Amino acid sequence: MAKFAVGKIAMVAVIACLLVGSAPQVGATITCTQVTNLLTPCISYGVFGGTVSKECCTGIYKLNAAYKTKEDIRQACSCVKDGAAMIPGINYDRINEIPGKCGTKCPYKVYPDTDCSRVA
């Protein structure tokens, strides 16, 4: 059973990396590749629950520190939204709990119908 879970997490990480490598929005300095690299450790919590890893929280802190403009926030929101949509079994409520569990905040909530162009 553990091998299946590890294999599923690896598959989800690969899918996320492949699907969120899109070009950044004009004016944004954050790329989807950066967002994916920072947040990949959070995927297992988003799918399976349990405990949010230290690596996930570190990624959240680094992403929050990387925001320089509203466009950066909007770009990150789009990257997270698009990536999450490709992950089988993702739980959006869990995704949105992660910043609080890490002791920080996120400037947006991610759901399938989130309009990232209006965040910030």
C-alpha atoms as a PDB file:
ATOM      1  CA  MET A   1       0.000   0.000   0.000  1.00  0.00           C
ATOM      2  CA  ALA A   2       2.838   2.422   0.818  1.00  0.00           C
ATOM      3  CA  LYS A   3       4.428   1.782  -2.579  1.00  0.00           C
ATOM      4  CA  PHE A   4       1.139   2.727  -4.246  1.00  0.00           C
ATOM      5  CA  ALA A   5       0.913   5.997  -2.289  1.00  0.00           C
ATOM      6  CA  VAL A   6       4.517   6.944  -3.087  1.00  0.00           C
ATOM      7  CA  GLY A   7       3.967   6.086  -6.750  1.00  0.00           C
ATOM      8  CA  LYS A   8       0.792   8.169  -6.846  1.00  0.00           C
ATOM      9  CA  ILE A   9       2.565  11.147  -5.252  1.00  0.00           C
ATOM     10  CA  ALA A  10       5.405  10.864  -7.766  1.00  0.00           C
ATOM     11  CA  MET A  11       2.916  10.709 -10.636  1.00  0.00           C
ATOM     12  CA  VAL A  12       1.062  13.743  -9.300  1.00  0.00           C
ATOM     13  CA  ALA A  13       4.319  15.697  -8.947  1.00  0.00           C
ATOM     14  CA  VAL A  14       5.330  14.885 -12.527  1.00  0.00           C
ATOM     15  CA  ILE A  15       1.910  15.890 -13.847  1.00  0.00           C
ATOM     16  CA  ALA A  16       2.017  19.136 -11.894  1.00  0.00           C
ATOM     17  CA  CYS A  17       5.493  19.976 -13.193  1.00  0.00           C
ATOM     18  CA  LEU A  18       4.549  19.273 -16.783  1.00  0.00           C
ATOM     19  CA  LEU A  19       1.290  21.139 -16.741  1.00  0.00           C
ATOM     20  CA  VAL A  20       2.150  24.351 -14.954  1.00  0.00           C
ATOM     21  CA  GLY A  21       5.239  25.282 -16.926  1.00  0.00           C
ATOM     22  CA  SER A  22       3.314  27.900 -18.885  1.00  0.00           C
ATOM     23  CA  ALA A  23       4.603  31.337 -19.779  1.00  0.00           C
ATOM     24  CA  PRO A  24       4.257  34.048 -17.123  1.00  0.00           C
ATOM     25  CA  GLN A  25       1.730  36.852 -17.429  1.00  0.00           C
ATOM     26  CA  VAL A  26       3.017  40.219 -18.586  1.00  0.00           C
ATOM     27  CA  GLY A  27       4.481  42.118 -15.639  1.00  0.00           C
ATOM     28  CA  ALA A  28       4.843  39.056 -13.411  1.00  0.00           C
ATOM     29  CA  THR A  29       8.289  38.043 -12.216  1.00  0.00           C
ATOM     30  CA  ILE A  30       7.129  34.725 -10.742  1.00  0.00           C
ATOM     31  CA  THR A  31       6.928  31.770 -13.116  1.00  0.00           C
ATOM     32  CA  CYS A  32       4.833  28.629 -12.896  1.00  0.00           C
ATOM     33  CA  THR A  33       8.030  26.614 -12.756  1.00  0.00           C
ATOM     34  CA  GLN A  34       9.048  28.475  -9.593  1.00  0.00           C
ATOM     35  CA  VAL A  35       5.604  28.028  -8.059  1.00  0.00           C
ATOM     36  CA  THR A  36       5.650  24.317  -8.887  1.00  0.00           C
ATOM     37  CA  ASN A  37       9.105  23.853  -7.393  1.00  0.00           C
ATOM     38  CA  LEU A  38       8.101  25.634  -4.199  1.00  0.00           C
ATOM     39  CA  LEU A  39       4.752  23.923  -3.731  1.00  0.00           C
ATOM     40  CA  THR A  40       5.374  20.356  -4.917  1.00  0.00           C
ATOM     41  CA  PRO A  41       5.982  19.260  -1.295  1.00  0.00           C
ATOM     42  CA  CYS A  42       2.394  20.350  -0.544  1.00  0.00           C
ATOM     43  CA  ILE A  43       0.759  17.967  -3.020  1.00  0.00           C
ATOM     44  CA  SER A  44       0.667  14.999  -0.665  1.00  0.00           C
ATOM     45  CA  TYR A  45      -1.278  17.004   1.929  1.00  0.00           C
ATOM     46  CA  GLY A  46      -3.617  18.325  -0.762  1.00  0.00           C
ATOM     47  CA  VAL A  47      -4.443  14.787  -1.883  1.00  0.00           C
ATOM     48  CA  PHE A  48      -4.078  12.616   1.215  1.00  0.00           C
ATOM     49  CA  GLY A  49      -4.312  15.005   4.190  1.00  0.00           C
ATOM     50  CA  GLY A  50      -2.321  14.142   7.287  1.00  0.00           C
ATOM     51  CA  THR A  51       0.424  16.514   8.348  1.00  0.00           C
ATOM     52  CA  VAL A  52       1.698  19.481   6.345  1.00  0.00           C
ATOM     53  CA  SER A  53       5.425  18.924   5.833  1.00  0.00           C
ATOM     54  CA  LYS A  54       8.131  21.373   6.847  1.00  0.00           C
ATOM     55  CA  GLU A  55       9.200  21.501   3.179  1.00  0.00           C
ATOM     56  CA  CYS A  56       5.684  22.522   2.166  1.00  0.00           C
ATOM     57  CA  CYS A  57       5.660  25.353   4.708  1.00  0.00           C
ATOM     58  CA  THR A  58       9.098  26.478   3.553  1.00  0.00           C
ATOM     59  CA  GLY A  59       7.758  26.639  -0.005  1.00  0.00           C
ATOM     60  CA  ILE A  60       4.764  28.711   1.132  1.00  0.00           C
ATOM     61  CA  TYR A  61       7.048  31.153   2.983  1.00  0.00           C
ATOM     62  CA  LYS A  62       9.358  31.492  -0.018  1.00  0.00           C
ATOM     63  CA  LEU A  63       6.436  32.026  -2.392  1.00  0.00           C
ATOM     64  CA  ASN A  64       4.981  34.738  -0.157  1.00  0.00           C
ATOM     65  CA  ALA A  65       8.398  36.424  -0.004  1.00  0.00           C
ATOM     66  CA  ALA A  66       8.655  36.332  -3.813  1.00  0.00           C
ATOM     67  CA  TYR A  67       5.560  38.466  -4.405  1.00  0.00           C
ATOM     68  CA  LYS A  68       6.665  41.874  -5.650  1.00  0.00           C
ATOM     69  CA  THR A  69       3.579  43.010  -7.566  1.00  0.00           C
ATOM     70  CA  LYS A  70      -0.123  42.262  -7.929  1.00  0.00           C
ATOM     71  CA  GLU A  71       0.768  40.489 -11.163  1.00  0.00           C
ATOM     72  CA  ASP A  72       3.070  38.152  -9.235  1.00  0.00           C
ATOM     73  CA  ILE A  73       0.189  37.233  -6.932  1.00  0.00           C
ATOM     74  CA  ARG A  74      -2.162  36.741  -9.870  1.00  0.00           C
ATOM     75  CA  GLN A  75       0.394  34.633 -11.735  1.00  0.00           C
ATOM     76  CA  ALA A  76       0.995  32.417  -8.698  1.00  0.00           C
ATOM     77  CA  CYS A  77      -2.758  32.041  -8.209  1.00  0.00           C
ATOM     78  CA  SER A  78      -3.168  30.947 -11.834  1.00  0.00           C
ATOM     79  CA  CYS A  79      -0.276  28.508 -11.561  1.00  0.00           C
ATOM     80  CA  VAL A  80      -1.683  26.931  -8.402  1.00  0.00           C
ATOM     81  CA  LYS A  81      -5.218  26.813  -9.819  1.00  0.00           C
ATOM     82  CA  ASP A  82      -4.140  25.285 -13.138  1.00  0.00           C
ATOM     83  CA  GLY A  83      -1.784  22.813 -11.487  1.00  0.00           C
ATOM     84  CA  ALA A  84      -4.315  21.733  -8.874  1.00  0.00           C
ATOM     85  CA  ALA A  85      -6.899  21.067 -11.570  1.00  0.00           C
ATOM     86  CA  MET A  86      -4.594  18.440 -13.056  1.00  0.00           C
ATOM     87  CA  ILE A  87      -3.993  16.528  -9.818  1.00  0.00           C
ATOM     88  CA  PRO A  88      -6.307  13.557  -9.353  1.00  0.00           C
ATOM     89  CA  GLY A  89      -7.965  13.554  -5.939  1.00  0.00           C
ATOM     90  CA  ILE A  90      -6.966  17.091  -4.975  1.00  0.00           C
ATOM     91  CA  ASN A  91      -8.973  18.550  -2.120  1.00  0.00           C
ATOM     92  CA  TYR A  92      -9.314  22.325  -2.493  1.00  0.00           C
ATOM     93  CA  ASP A  93     -10.315  22.821   1.134  1.00  0.00           C
ATOM     94  CA  ARG A  94      -7.047  21.184   2.202  1.00  0.00           C
ATOM     95  CA  ILE A  95      -5.067  23.333  -0.248  1.00  0.00           C
ATOM     96  CA  ASN A  96      -6.566  26.459   1.273  1.00  0.00           C
ATOM     97  CA  GLU A  97      -5.806  25.258   4.822  1.00  0.00           C
ATOM     98  CA  ILE A  98      -2.075  24.948   4.178  1.00  0.00           C
ATOM     99  CA  PRO A  99      -1.007  28.583   4.766  1.00  0.00           C
ATOM    100  CA  GLY A 100      -2.815  28.667   8.123  1.00  0.00           C
ATOM    101  CA  LYS A 101      -1.269  25.347   9.135  1.00  0.00           C
ATOM    102  CA  CYS A 102       2.119  26.873   8.290  1.00  0.00           C
ATOM    103  CA  GLY A 103       1.405  29.979  10.378  1.00  0.00           C
ATOM    104  CA  THR A 104       1.080  32.375   7.460  1.00  0.00           C
ATOM    105  CA  LYS A 105      -1.549  33.733   5.069  1.00  0.00           C
ATOM    106  CA  CYS A 106      -2.179  33.534   1.352  1.00  0.00           C
ATOM    107  CA  PRO A 107      -3.576  36.517  -0.585  1.00  0.00           C
ATOM    108  CA  TYR A 108      -6.078  34.267  -2.423  1.00  0.00           C
ATOM    109  CA  LYS A 109      -8.131  31.089  -2.087  1.00  0.00           C
ATOM    110  CA  VAL A 110      -7.840  28.511  -4.848  1.00  0.00           C
ATOM    111  CA  TYR A 111     -10.927  26.743  -6.153  1.00  0.00           C
ATOM    112  CA  PRO A 112     -11.807  25.623  -9.689  1.00  0.00           C
ATOM    113  CA  ASP A 113     -13.836  28.818 -10.193  1.00  0.00           C
ATOM    114  CA  THR A 114     -11.339  31.282  -8.689  1.00  0.00           C
ATOM    115  CA  ASP A 115     -10.812  34.296 -10.949  1.00  0.00           C
ATOM    116  CA  CYS A 116      -7.119  34.926 -10.431  1.00  0.00           C
ATOM    117  CA  SER A 117      -7.241  38.134 -12.476  1.00  0.00           C
ATOM    118  CA  ARG A 118      -9.218  39.699  -9.626  1.00  0.00           C
ATOM    119  CA  VAL A 119      -7.022  38.714  -6.663  1.00  0.00           C
ATOM    120  CA  ALA A 120      -4.696  41.042  -4.772  1.00  0.00           C
END
